[in-house]
Amino acid sequence: MAAKFKKGDRVIVVAGEERKRGGGAARTGQILKVYPDEDRVLIQGVNMVKRHTKQSARSQGGIVTKEAPVHISNIAHIDPKTGGPTRIGFKTLQDGRKVRFAKKSGEVIDV
């Protein structure tokens, strides 16, 4: 099965705790990492958590703020044409490539 979410995709949070934290407006960001076995993705600037870290040779100790993974059921792709949330479909182009496209506008997401 082909992946609907890939590293570098622009997504919007449509449900869950991060939707509430946004103050009514949905939070958006770029996918930094995908965890396919857990059905989760790491989104830049979304679902920020604080971790208390011990000092090591590489880093100074203290409270570190970093992103935590979000479940894929709580996010949607951003339509390249309209800027709103959209679902993703797959189609085969004339040259035989299988690409992802936005179902709302029909725009091809993979370049």
PDB file of N, CA and C in Angstrom:
ATOM      1  N   MET A   1       0.840  -1.192   0.000  1.00  0.00           N
ATOM      2  CA  MET A   1       0.000   0.000   0.000  1.00  0.00           C
ATOM      3  C   MET A   1       0.881   1.250   0.000  1.00  0.00           C
ATOM      4  N   ALA A   2       0.552   2.201  -0.821  1.00  0.00           N
ATOM      5  CA  ALA A   2       1.309   3.446  -0.882  1.00  0.00           C
ATOM      6  C   ALA A   2       0.939   4.344   0.305  1.00  0.00           C
ATOM      7  N   ALA A   3       1.891   5.133   0.749  1.00  0.00           N
ATOM      8  CA  ALA A   3       1.675   6.005   1.908  1.00  0.00           C
ATOM      9  C   ALA A   3       0.959   7.282   1.493  1.00  0.00           C
ATOM     10  N   LYS A   4      -0.035   7.678   2.281  1.00  0.00           N
ATOM     11  CA  LYS A   4      -0.740   8.919   1.981  1.00  0.00           C
ATOM     12  C   LYS A   4       0.004  10.120   2.555  1.00  0.00           C
ATOM     13  N   PHE A   5       0.757   9.918   3.640  1.00  0.00           N
ATOM     14  CA  PHE A   5       1.529  11.001   4.246  1.00  0.00           C
ATOM     15  C   PHE A   5       3.007  10.713   4.080  1.00  0.00           C
ATOM     16  N   LYS A   6       3.737  11.732   3.623  1.00  0.00           N
ATOM     17  CA  LYS A   6       5.172  11.593   3.427  1.00  0.00           C
ATOM     18  C   LYS A   6       5.888  12.773   4.057  1.00  0.00           C
ATOM     19  N   LYS A   7       7.169  12.606   4.319  1.00  0.00           N
ATOM     20  CA  LYS A   7       7.988  13.667   4.879  1.00  0.00           C
ATOM     21  C   LYS A   7       7.969  14.873   3.941  1.00  0.00           C
ATOM     22  N   GLY A   8       7.758  16.056   4.494  1.00  0.00           N
ATOM     23  CA  GLY A   8       7.739  17.274   3.694  1.00  0.00           C
ATOM     24  C   GLY A   8       6.346  17.736   3.292  1.00  0.00           C
ATOM     25  N   ASP A   9       5.313  16.897   3.480  1.00  0.00           N
ATOM     26  CA  ASP A   9       3.935  17.286   3.145  1.00  0.00           C
ATOM     27  C   ASP A   9       3.436  18.374   4.082  1.00  0.00           C
ATOM     28  N   ARG A  10       2.624  19.294   3.555  1.00  0.00           N
ATOM     29  CA  ARG A  10       1.991  20.323   4.376  1.00  0.00           C
ATOM     30  C   ARG A  10       0.644  19.781   4.843  1.00  0.00           C
ATOM     31  N   VAL A  11       0.424  19.784   6.169  1.00  0.00           N
ATOM     32  CA  VAL A  11      -0.796  19.220   6.736  1.00  0.00           C
ATOM     33  C   VAL A  11      -1.441  20.203   7.703  1.00  0.00           C
ATOM     34  N   ILE A  12      -2.705  19.931   8.022  1.00  0.00           N
ATOM     35  CA  ILE A  12      -3.477  20.743   8.943  1.00  0.00           C
ATOM     36  C   ILE A  12      -4.088  19.811   9.989  1.00  0.00           C
ATOM     37  N   VAL A  13      -4.108  20.257  11.247  1.00  0.00           N
ATOM     38  CA  VAL A  13      -4.692  19.461  12.323  1.00  0.00           C
ATOM     39  C   VAL A  13      -6.192  19.722  12.329  1.00  0.00           C
ATOM     40  N   VAL A  14      -6.997  18.663  12.160  1.00  0.00           N
ATOM     41  CA  VAL A  14      -8.443  18.828  12.054  1.00  0.00           C
ATOM     42  C   VAL A  14      -9.194  18.295  13.268  1.00  0.00           C
ATOM     43  N   ALA A  15      -8.526  17.560  14.166  1.00  0.00           N
ATOM     44  CA  ALA A  15      -9.206  16.999  15.335  1.00  0.00           C
ATOM     45  C   ALA A  15      -8.190  16.769  16.442  1.00  0.00           C
ATOM     46  N   GLY A  16      -8.688  16.508  17.642  1.00  0.00           N
ATOM     47  CA  GLY A  16      -7.824  16.156  18.761  1.00  0.00           C
ATOM     48  C   GLY A  16      -7.405  17.336  19.604  1.00  0.00           C
ATOM     49  N   GLU A  17      -6.497  17.062  20.516  1.00  0.00           N
ATOM     50  CA  GLU A  17      -6.046  18.059  21.491  1.00  0.00           C
ATOM     51  C   GLU A  17      -5.362  19.249  20.828  1.00  0.00           C
ATOM     52  N   GLU A  18      -4.609  19.024  19.784  1.00  0.00           N
ATOM     53  CA  GLU A  18      -3.911  20.117  19.103  1.00  0.00           C
ATOM     54  C   GLU A  18      -4.879  21.063  18.391  1.00  0.00           C
ATOM     55  N   ARG A  19      -6.018  20.583  17.968  1.00  0.00           N
ATOM     56  CA  ARG A  19      -7.036  21.452  17.361  1.00  0.00           C
ATOM     57  C   ARG A  19      -7.551  22.435  18.401  1.00  0.00           C
ATOM     58  N   LYS A  20      -7.748  21.953  19.630  1.00  0.00           N
ATOM     59  CA  LYS A  20      -8.236  22.815  20.713  1.00  0.00           C
ATOM     60  C   LYS A  20      -7.199  23.846  21.120  1.00  0.00           C
ATOM     61  N   ARG A  21      -5.920  23.442  21.121  1.00  0.00           N
ATOM     62  CA  ARG A  21      -4.849  24.355  21.524  1.00  0.00           C
ATOM     63  C   ARG A  21      -4.676  25.507  20.553  1.00  0.00           C
ATOM     64  N   GLY A  22      -5.099  25.322  19.328  1.00  0.00           N
ATOM     65  CA  GLY A  22      -4.918  26.345  18.306  1.00  0.00           C
ATOM     66  C   GLY A  22      -5.776  27.576  18.514  1.00  0.00           C
ATOM     67  N   GLY A  23      -6.673  27.559  19.486  1.00  0.00           N
ATOM     68  CA  GLY A  23      -7.517  28.709  19.757  1.00  0.00           C
ATOM     69  C   GLY A  23      -8.574  28.911  18.692  1.00  0.00           C
ATOM     70  N   GLY A  24      -9.136  27.827  18.166  1.00  0.00           N
ATOM     71  CA  GLY A  24     -10.168  27.916  17.140  1.00  0.00           C
ATOM     72  C   GLY A  24      -9.609  27.737  15.746  1.00  0.00           C
ATOM     73  N   ALA A  25      -8.467  28.368  15.467  1.00  0.00           N
ATOM     74  CA  ALA A  25      -7.842  28.217  14.155  1.00  0.00           C
ATOM     75  C   ALA A  25      -7.034  26.923  14.142  1.00  0.00           C
ATOM     76  N   ALA A  26      -7.136  26.185  13.071  1.00  0.00           N
ATOM     77  CA  ALA A  26      -6.425  24.913  12.971  1.00  0.00           C
ATOM     78  C   ALA A  26      -4.925  25.158  12.835  1.00  0.00           C
ATOM     79  N   ARG A  27      -4.134  24.295  13.460  1.00  0.00           N
ATOM     80  CA  ARG A  27      -2.678  24.393  13.398  1.00  0.00           C
ATOM     81  C   ARG A  27      -2.188  23.716  12.125  1.00  0.00           C
ATOM     82  N   THR A  28      -1.217  24.309  11.470  1.00  0.00           N
ATOM     83  CA  THR A  28      -0.660  23.727  10.254  1.00  0.00           C
ATOM     84  C   THR A  28       0.842  23.566  10.418  1.00  0.00           C
ATOM     85  N   GLY A  29       1.421  22.712   9.606  1.00  0.00           N
ATOM     86  CA  GLY A  29       2.863  22.511   9.654  1.00  0.00           C
ATOM     87  C   GLY A  29       3.321  21.527   8.601  1.00  0.00           C
ATOM     88  N   GLN A  30       4.601  21.289   8.593  1.00  0.00           N
ATOM     89  CA  GLN A  30       5.216  20.382   7.638  1.00  0.00           C
ATOM     90  C   GLN A  30       5.623  19.103   8.368  1.00  0.00           C
ATOM     91  N   ILE A  31       5.445  17.962   7.719  1.00  0.00           N
ATOM     92  CA  ILE A  31       5.778  16.684   8.329  1.00  0.00           C
ATOM     93  C   ILE A  31       7.296  16.530   8.370  1.00  0.00           C
ATOM     94  N   LEU A  32       7.809  16.255   9.578  1.00  0.00           N
ATOM     95  CA  LEU A  32       9.242  16.050   9.757  1.00  0.00           C
ATOM     96  C   LEU A  32       9.613  14.572   9.687  1.00  0.00           C
ATOM     97  N   LYS A  33       8.732  13.710  10.217  1.00  0.00           N
ATOM     98  CA  LYS A  33       9.012  12.280  10.241  1.00  0.00           C
ATOM     99  C   LYS A  33       7.698  11.512  10.270  1.00  0.00           C
ATOM    100  N   VAL A  34       7.681  10.337   9.635  1.00  0.00           N
ATOM    101  CA  VAL A  34       6.494   9.483   9.595  1.00  0.00           C
ATOM    102  C   VAL A  34       6.809   8.178  10.321  1.00  0.00           C
ATOM    103  N   TYR A  35       5.886   7.749  11.193  1.00  0.00           N
ATOM    104  CA  TYR A  35       5.996   6.474  11.899  1.00  0.00           C
ATOM    105  C   TYR A  35       4.884   5.567  11.383  1.00  0.00           C
ATOM    106  N   PRO A  36       5.110   4.822  10.287  1.00  0.00           N
ATOM    107  CA  PRO A  36       4.036   4.047   9.660  1.00  0.00           C
ATOM    108  C   PRO A  36       3.510   2.900  10.523  1.00  0.00           C
ATOM    109  N   ASP A  37       4.361   2.296  11.357  1.00  0.00           N
ATOM    110  CA  ASP A  37       3.912   1.189  12.200  1.00  0.00           C
ATOM    111  C   ASP A  37       2.952   1.656  13.285  1.00  0.00           C
ATOM    112  N   GLU A  38       3.095   2.909  13.717  1.00  0.00           N
ATOM    113  CA  GLU A  38       2.255   3.459  14.781  1.00  0.00           C
ATOM    114  C   GLU A  38       1.135   4.340  14.234  1.00  0.00           C
ATOM    115  N   ASP A  39       1.076   4.571  12.925  1.00  0.00           N
ATOM    116  CA  ASP A  39       0.108   5.479  12.296  1.00  0.00           C
ATOM    117  C   ASP A  39       0.200   6.884  12.878  1.00  0.00           C
ATOM    118  N   ARG A  40       1.422   7.381  13.053  1.00  0.00           N
ATOM    119  CA  ARG A  40       1.651   8.699  13.621  1.00  0.00           C
ATOM    120  C   ARG A  40       2.647   9.478  12.764  1.00  0.00           C
ATOM    121  N   VAL A  41       2.589  10.801  12.865  1.00  0.00           N
ATOM    122  CA  VAL A  41       3.539  11.664  12.167  1.00  0.00           C
ATOM    123  C   VAL A  41       4.022  12.758  13.110  1.00  0.00           C
ATOM    124  N   LEU A  42       5.234  13.242  12.856  1.00  0.00           N
ATOM    125  CA  LEU A  42       5.816  14.334  13.620  1.00  0.00           C
ATOM    126  C   LEU A  42       5.678  15.595  12.774  1.00  0.00           C
ATOM    127  N   ILE A  43       4.982  16.608  13.302  1.00  0.00           N
ATOM    128  CA  ILE A  43       4.705  17.828  12.542  1.00  0.00           C
ATOM    129  C   ILE A  43       5.451  18.992  13.187  1.00  0.00           C
ATOM    130  N   GLN A  44       6.085  19.798  12.362  1.00  0.00           N
ATOM    131  CA  GLN A  44       6.882  20.919  12.836  1.00  0.00           C
ATOM    132  C   GLN A  44       6.010  21.941  13.573  1.00  0.00           C
ATOM    133  N   GLY A  45       6.348  22.217  14.839  1.00  0.00           N
ATOM    134  CA  GLY A  45       5.654  23.232  15.629  1.00  0.00           C
ATOM    135  C   GLY A  45       4.301  22.822  16.168  1.00  0.00           C
ATOM    136  N   VAL A  46       3.928  21.552  16.053  1.00  0.00           N
ATOM    137  CA  VAL A  46       2.620  21.078  16.518  1.00  0.00           C
ATOM    138  C   VAL A  46       2.829  20.027  17.601  1.00  0.00           C
ATOM    139  N   ASN A  47       1.969  20.027  18.616  1.00  0.00           N
ATOM    140  CA  ASN A  47       2.001  19.071  19.726  1.00  0.00           C
ATOM    141  C   ASN A  47       3.319  19.175  20.481  1.00  0.00           C
ATOM    142  N   MET A  48       3.654  20.384  20.888  1.00  0.00           N
ATOM    143  CA  MET A  48       4.897  20.629  21.610  1.00  0.00           C
ATOM    144  C   MET A  48       4.772  20.128  23.052  1.00  0.00           C
ATOM    145  N   VAL A  49       5.785  19.386  23.494  1.00  0.00           N
ATOM    146  CA  VAL A  49       5.824  18.863  24.864  1.00  0.00           C
ATOM    147  C   VAL A  49       7.150  19.260  25.501  1.00  0.00           C
ATOM    148  N   LYS A  50       7.166  19.263  26.841  1.00  0.00           N
ATOM    149  CA  LYS A  50       8.386  19.597  27.572  1.00  0.00           C
ATOM    150  C   LYS A  50       8.970  18.324  28.159  1.00  0.00           C
ATOM    151  N   ARG A  51      10.277  18.157  27.996  1.00  0.00           N
ATOM    152  CA  ARG A  51      10.979  16.998  28.520  1.00  0.00           C
ATOM    153  C   ARG A  51      12.108  17.486  29.423  1.00  0.00           C
ATOM    154  N   HIS A  52      12.202  16.890  30.603  1.00  0.00           N
ATOM    155  CA  HIS A  52      13.284  17.210  31.531  1.00  0.00           C
ATOM    156  C   HIS A  52      14.456  16.299  31.198  1.00  0.00           C
ATOM    157  N   THR A  53      15.550  16.888  30.745  1.00  0.00           N
ATOM    158  CA  THR A  53      16.688  16.087  30.304  1.00  0.00           C
ATOM    159  C   THR A  53      17.874  16.274  31.238  1.00  0.00           C
ATOM    160  N   LYS A  54      18.627  15.206  31.383  1.00  0.00           N
ATOM    161  CA  LYS A  54      19.826  15.217  32.193  1.00  0.00           C
ATOM    162  C   LYS A  54      20.977  15.739  31.343  1.00  0.00           C
ATOM    163  N   GLN A  55      21.921  16.407  31.963  1.00  0.00           N
ATOM    164  CA  GLN A  55      23.062  16.928  31.229  1.00  0.00           C
ATOM    165  C   GLN A  55      23.916  15.776  30.711  1.00  0.00           C
ATOM    166  N   SER A  56      24.404  15.925  29.478  1.00  0.00           N
ATOM    167  CA  SER A  56      25.291  14.926  28.891  1.00  0.00           C
ATOM    168  C   SER A  56      26.448  15.649  28.213  1.00  0.00           C
ATOM    169  N   ALA A  57      27.334  14.872  27.613  1.00  0.00           N
ATOM    170  CA  ALA A  57      28.476  15.479  26.931  1.00  0.00           C
ATOM    171  C   ALA A  57      28.031  16.279  25.716  1.00  0.00           C
ATOM    172  N   ARG A  58      26.911  15.891  25.094  1.00  0.00           N
ATOM    173  CA  ARG A  58      26.418  16.572  23.888  1.00  0.00           C
ATOM    174  C   ARG A  58      25.517  17.762  24.188  1.00  0.00           C
ATOM    175  N   SER A  59      24.680  17.637  25.208  1.00  0.00           N
ATOM    176  CA  SER A  59      23.698  18.701  25.451  1.00  0.00           C
ATOM    177  C   SER A  59      23.667  19.107  26.912  1.00  0.00           C
ATOM    178  N   GLN A  60      23.234  20.324  27.128  1.00  0.00           N
ATOM    179  CA  GLN A  60      23.090  20.846  28.475  1.00  0.00           C
ATOM    180  C   GLN A  60      21.762  20.351  29.042  1.00  0.00           C
ATOM    181  N   GLY A  61      21.711  20.098  30.318  1.00  0.00           N
ATOM    182  CA  GLY A  61      20.488  19.622  30.951  1.00  0.00           C
ATOM    183  C   GLY A  61      19.479  20.740  31.109  1.00  0.00           C
ATOM    184  N   GLY A  62      18.247  20.369  31.422  1.00  0.00           N
ATOM    185  CA  GLY A  62      17.202  21.353  31.627  1.00  0.00           C
ATOM    186  C   GLY A  62      15.910  20.915  30.983  1.00  0.00           C
ATOM    187  N   ILE A  63      15.002  21.851  30.835  1.00  0.00           N
ATOM    188  CA  ILE A  63      13.707  21.556  30.235  1.00  0.00           C
ATOM    189  C   ILE A  63      13.793  21.848  28.744  1.00  0.00           C
ATOM    190  N   VAL A  64      13.555  20.825  27.926  1.00  0.00           N
ATOM    191  CA  VAL A  64      13.643  20.940  26.470  1.00  0.00           C
ATOM    192  C   VAL A  64      12.241  20.832  25.889  1.00  0.00           C
ATOM    193  N   THR A  65      11.881  21.747  25.002  1.00  0.00           N
ATOM    194  CA  THR A  65      10.591  21.704  24.322  1.00  0.00           C
ATOM    195  C   THR A  65      10.794  21.112  22.937  1.00  0.00           C
ATOM    196  N   LYS A  66      10.013  20.064  22.621  1.00  0.00           N
ATOM    197  CA  LYS A  66      10.129  19.430  21.313  1.00  0.00           C
ATOM    198  C   LYS A  66       8.776  18.897  20.873  1.00  0.00           C
ATOM    199  N   GLU A  67       8.699  18.495  19.583  1.00  0.00           N
ATOM    200  CA  GLU A  67       7.453  17.990  19.028  1.00  0.00           C
ATOM    201  C   GLU A  67       7.224  16.546  19.444  1.00  0.00           C
ATOM    202  N   ALA A  68       5.949  16.187  19.611  1.00  0.00           N
ATOM    203  CA  ALA A  68       5.558  14.801  19.860  1.00  0.00           C
ATOM    204  C   ALA A  68       4.698  14.351  18.685  1.00  0.00           C
ATOM    205  N   PRO A  69       4.680  13.051  18.378  1.00  0.00           N
ATOM    206  CA  PRO A  69       3.904  12.559  17.242  1.00  0.00           C
ATOM    207  C   PRO A  69       2.398  12.755  17.412  1.00  0.00           C
ATOM    208  N   VAL A  70       1.698  12.945  16.290  1.00  0.00           N
ATOM    209  CA  VAL A  70       0.239  13.105  16.244  1.00  0.00           C
ATOM    210  C   VAL A  70      -0.323  11.955  15.416  1.00  0.00           C
ATOM    211  N   HIS A  71      -1.470  11.420  15.807  1.00  0.00           N
ATOM    212  CA  HIS A  71      -2.073  10.326  15.058  1.00  0.00           C
ATOM    213  C   HIS A  71      -2.585  10.838  13.710  1.00  0.00           C
ATOM    214  N   ILE A  72      -2.457   9.988  12.667  1.00  0.00           N
ATOM    215  CA  ILE A  72      -2.821  10.433  11.315  1.00  0.00           C
ATOM    216  C   ILE A  72      -4.317  10.662  11.143  1.00  0.00           C
ATOM    217  N   SER A  73      -5.147  10.120  12.052  1.00  0.00           N
ATOM    218  CA  SER A  73      -6.582  10.353  11.948  1.00  0.00           C
ATOM    219  C   SER A  73      -6.946  11.793  12.312  1.00  0.00           C
ATOM    220  N   ASN A  74      -6.024  12.510  12.955  1.00  0.00           N
ATOM    221  CA  ASN A  74      -6.282  13.880  13.382  1.00  0.00           C
ATOM    222  C   ASN A  74      -5.753  14.939  12.419  1.00  0.00           C
ATOM    223  N   ILE A  75      -5.173  14.518  11.290  1.00  0.00           N
ATOM    224  CA  ILE A  75      -4.619  15.490  10.349  1.00  0.00           C
ATOM    225  C   ILE A  75      -5.166  15.261   8.945  1.00  0.00           C
ATOM    226  N   ALA A  76      -5.038  16.294   8.106  1.00  0.00           N
ATOM    227  CA  ALA A  76      -5.441  16.212   6.698  1.00  0.00           C
ATOM    228  C   ALA A  76      -4.430  17.001   5.876  1.00  0.00           C
ATOM    229  N   HIS A  77      -4.289  16.623   4.628  1.00  0.00           N
ATOM    230  CA  HIS A  77      -3.405  17.350   3.716  1.00  0.00           C
ATOM    231  C   HIS A  77      -3.985  18.737   3.447  1.00  0.00           C
ATOM    232  N   ILE A  78      -3.103  19.678   3.132  1.00  0.00           N
ATOM    233  CA  ILE A  78      -3.537  21.009   2.711  1.00  0.00           C
ATOM    234  C   ILE A  78      -3.593  21.002   1.191  1.00  0.00           C
ATOM    235  N   ASP A  79      -4.738  21.410   0.658  1.00  0.00           N
ATOM    236  CA  ASP A  79      -4.926  21.457  -0.791  1.00  0.00           C
ATOM    237  C   ASP A  79      -4.006  22.521  -1.379  1.00  0.00           C
ATOM    238  N   PRO A  80      -3.185  22.180  -2.377  1.00  0.00           N
ATOM    239  CA  PRO A  80      -2.261  23.163  -2.951  1.00  0.00           C
ATOM    240  C   PRO A  80      -2.963  24.344  -3.623  1.00  0.00           C
ATOM    241  N   LYS A  81      -4.171  24.138  -4.099  1.00  0.00           N
ATOM    242  CA  LYS A  81      -4.886  25.198  -4.809  1.00  0.00           C
ATOM    243  C   LYS A  81      -5.680  26.088  -3.858  1.00  0.00           C
ATOM    244  N   THR A  82      -6.474  25.493  -2.954  1.00  0.00           N
ATOM    245  CA  THR A  82      -7.365  26.269  -2.096  1.00  0.00           C
ATOM    246  C   THR A  82      -6.788  26.585  -0.729  1.00  0.00           C
ATOM    247  N   GLY A  83      -5.862  25.769  -0.243  1.00  0.00           N
ATOM    248  CA  GLY A  83      -5.286  26.000   1.081  1.00  0.00           C
ATOM    249  C   GLY A  83      -6.070  25.373   2.213  1.00  0.00           C
ATOM    250  N   GLY A  84      -7.172  24.694   1.909  1.00  0.00           N
ATOM    251  CA  GLY A  84      -7.981  24.043   2.930  1.00  0.00           C
ATOM    252  C   GLY A  84      -7.655  22.565   3.049  1.00  0.00           C
ATOM    253  N   PRO A  85      -8.296  21.887   4.000  1.00  0.00           N
ATOM    254  CA  PRO A  85      -8.044  20.450   4.140  1.00  0.00           C
ATOM    255  C   PRO A  85      -8.663  19.657   2.992  1.00  0.00           C
ATOM    256  N   THR A  86      -8.009  18.585   2.606  1.00  0.00           N
ATOM    257  CA  THR A  86      -8.502  17.743   1.519  1.00  0.00           C
ATOM    258  C   THR A  86      -8.098  16.301   1.760  1.00  0.00           C
ATOM    259  N   ARG A  87      -8.815  15.400   1.127  1.00  0.00           N
ATOM    260  CA  ARG A  87      -8.442  14.003   1.153  1.00  0.00           C
ATOM    261  C   ARG A  87      -7.508  13.730  -0.017  1.00  0.00           C
ATOM    262  N   ILE A  88      -6.864  12.571   0.034  1.00  0.00           N
ATOM    263  CA  ILE A  88      -5.866  12.228  -0.977  1.00  0.00           C
ATOM    264  C   ILE A  88      -6.319  10.998  -1.741  1.00  0.00           C
ATOM    265  N   GLY A  89      -6.110  11.026  -3.043  1.00  0.00           N
ATOM    266  CA  GLY A  89      -6.388   9.875  -3.889  1.00  0.00           C
ATOM    267  C   GLY A  89      -5.152   9.529  -4.690  1.00  0.00           C
ATOM    268  N   PHE A  90      -5.194   8.383  -5.326  1.00  0.00           N
ATOM    269  CA  PHE A  90      -4.087   7.948  -6.167  1.00  0.00           C
ATOM    270  C   PHE A  90      -4.571   7.789  -7.591  1.00  0.00           C
ATOM    271  N   LYS A  91      -3.712   8.162  -8.543  1.00  0.00           N
ATOM    272  CA  LYS A  91      -4.034   7.928  -9.952  1.00  0.00           C
ATOM    273  C   LYS A  91      -2.741   7.684 -10.712  1.00  0.00           C
ATOM    274  N   THR A  92      -2.872   7.035 -11.847  1.00  0.00           N
ATOM    275  CA  THR A  92      -1.724   6.746 -12.690  1.00  0.00           C
ATOM    276  C   THR A  92      -1.717   7.731 -13.848  1.00  0.00           C
ATOM    277  N   LEU A  93      -0.590   8.372 -14.061  1.00  0.00           N
ATOM    278  CA  LEU A  93      -0.459   9.347 -15.143  1.00  0.00           C
ATOM    279  C   LEU A  93      -0.205   8.635 -16.468  1.00  0.00           C
ATOM    280  N   GLN A  94      -0.209   9.407 -17.549  1.00  0.00           N
ATOM    281  CA  GLN A  94      -0.004   8.861 -18.891  1.00  0.00           C
ATOM    282  C   GLN A  94       1.341   8.147 -19.023  1.00  0.00           C
ATOM    283  N   ASP A  95       2.363   8.671 -18.320  1.00  0.00           N
ATOM    284  CA  ASP A  95       3.690   8.060 -18.413  1.00  0.00           C
ATOM    285  C   ASP A  95       3.865   6.854 -17.497  1.00  0.00           C
ATOM    286  N   GLY A  96       2.820   6.452 -16.781  1.00  0.00           N
ATOM    287  CA  GLY A  96       2.856   5.249 -15.960  1.00  0.00           C
ATOM    288  C   GLY A  96       3.198   5.477 -14.502  1.00  0.00           C
ATOM    289  N   ARG A  97       3.456   6.745 -14.101  1.00  0.00           N
ATOM    290  CA  ARG A  97       3.773   7.026 -12.699  1.00  0.00           C
ATOM    291  C   ARG A  97       2.504   7.041 -11.856  1.00  0.00           C
ATOM    292  N   LYS A  98       2.578   6.475 -10.654  1.00  0.00           N
ATOM    293  CA  LYS A  98       1.467   6.523  -9.703  1.00  0.00           C
ATOM    294  C   LYS A  98       1.703   7.727  -8.801  1.00  0.00           C
ATOM    295  N   VAL A  99       0.757   8.667  -8.776  1.00  0.00           N
ATOM    296  CA  VAL A  99       0.923   9.899  -8.007  1.00  0.00           C
ATOM    297  C   VAL A  99      -0.265  10.113  -7.071  1.00  0.00           C
ATOM    298  N   ARG A 100      -0.042  10.946  -6.060  1.00  0.00           N
ATOM    299  CA  ARG A 100      -1.114  11.353  -5.143  1.00  0.00           C
ATOM    300  C   ARG A 100      -1.727  12.645  -5.661  1.00  0.00           C
ATOM    301  N   PHE A 101      -3.054  12.791  -5.486  1.00  0.00           N
ATOM    302  CA  PHE A 101      -3.707  14.032  -5.896  1.00  0.00           C
ATOM    303  C   PHE A 101      -4.732  14.444  -4.849  1.00  0.00           C
ATOM    304  N   ALA A 102      -4.994  15.755  -4.774  1.00  0.00           N
ATOM    305  CA  ALA A 102      -5.988  16.295  -3.852  1.00  0.00           C
ATOM    306  C   ALA A 102      -7.374  16.066  -4.442  1.00  0.00           C
ATOM    307  N   LYS A 103      -8.252  15.447  -3.671  1.00  0.00           N
ATOM    308  CA  LYS A 103      -9.576  15.118  -4.193  1.00  0.00           C
ATOM    309  C   LYS A 103     -10.447  16.361  -4.388  1.00  0.00           C
ATOM    310  N   LYS A 104     -10.223  17.434  -3.599  1.00  0.00           N
ATOM    311  CA  LYS A 104     -11.047  18.633  -3.739  1.00  0.00           C
ATOM    312  C   LYS A 104     -10.774  19.368  -5.053  1.00  0.00           C
ATOM    313  N   SER A 105      -9.486  19.570  -5.360  1.00  0.00           N
ATOM    314  CA  SER A 105      -9.152  20.379  -6.527  1.00  0.00           C
ATOM    315  C   SER A 105      -8.638  19.556  -7.714  1.00  0.00           C
ATOM    316  N   GLY A 106      -8.207  18.322  -7.458  1.00  0.00           N
ATOM    317  CA  GLY A 106      -7.643  17.512  -8.519  1.00  0.00           C
ATOM    318  C   GLY A 106      -6.176  17.763  -8.784  1.00  0.00           C
ATOM    319  N   GLU A 107      -5.550  18.661  -7.996  1.00  0.00           N
ATOM    320  CA  GLU A 107      -4.128  18.983  -8.150  1.00  0.00           C
ATOM    321  C   GLU A 107      -3.256  17.796  -7.771  1.00  0.00           C
ATOM    322  N   VAL A 108      -2.207  17.568  -8.546  1.00  0.00           N
ATOM    323  CA  VAL A 108      -1.259  16.514  -8.224  1.00  0.00           C
ATOM    324  C   VAL A 108      -0.333  17.001  -7.132  1.00  0.00           C
ATOM    325  N   ILE A 109      -0.163  16.187  -6.069  1.00  0.00           N
ATOM    326  CA  ILE A 109       0.688  16.562  -4.940  1.00  0.00           C
ATOM    327  C   ILE A 109       2.131  16.150  -5.192  1.00  0.00           C
ATOM    328  N   ASP A 110       2.343  14.939  -5.697  1.00  0.00           N
ATOM    329  CA  ASP A 110       3.703  14.483  -6.000  1.00  0.00           C
ATOM    330  C   ASP A 110       4.176  15.142  -7.282  1.00  0.00           C
ATOM    331  N   VAL A 111       5.396  15.638  -7.259  1.00  0.00           N
ATOM    332  CA  VAL A 111       5.934  16.308  -8.436  1.00  0.00           C
ATOM    333  C   VAL A 111       6.973  15.440  -9.098  1.00  0.00           C
TER     334      VAL A 111
END
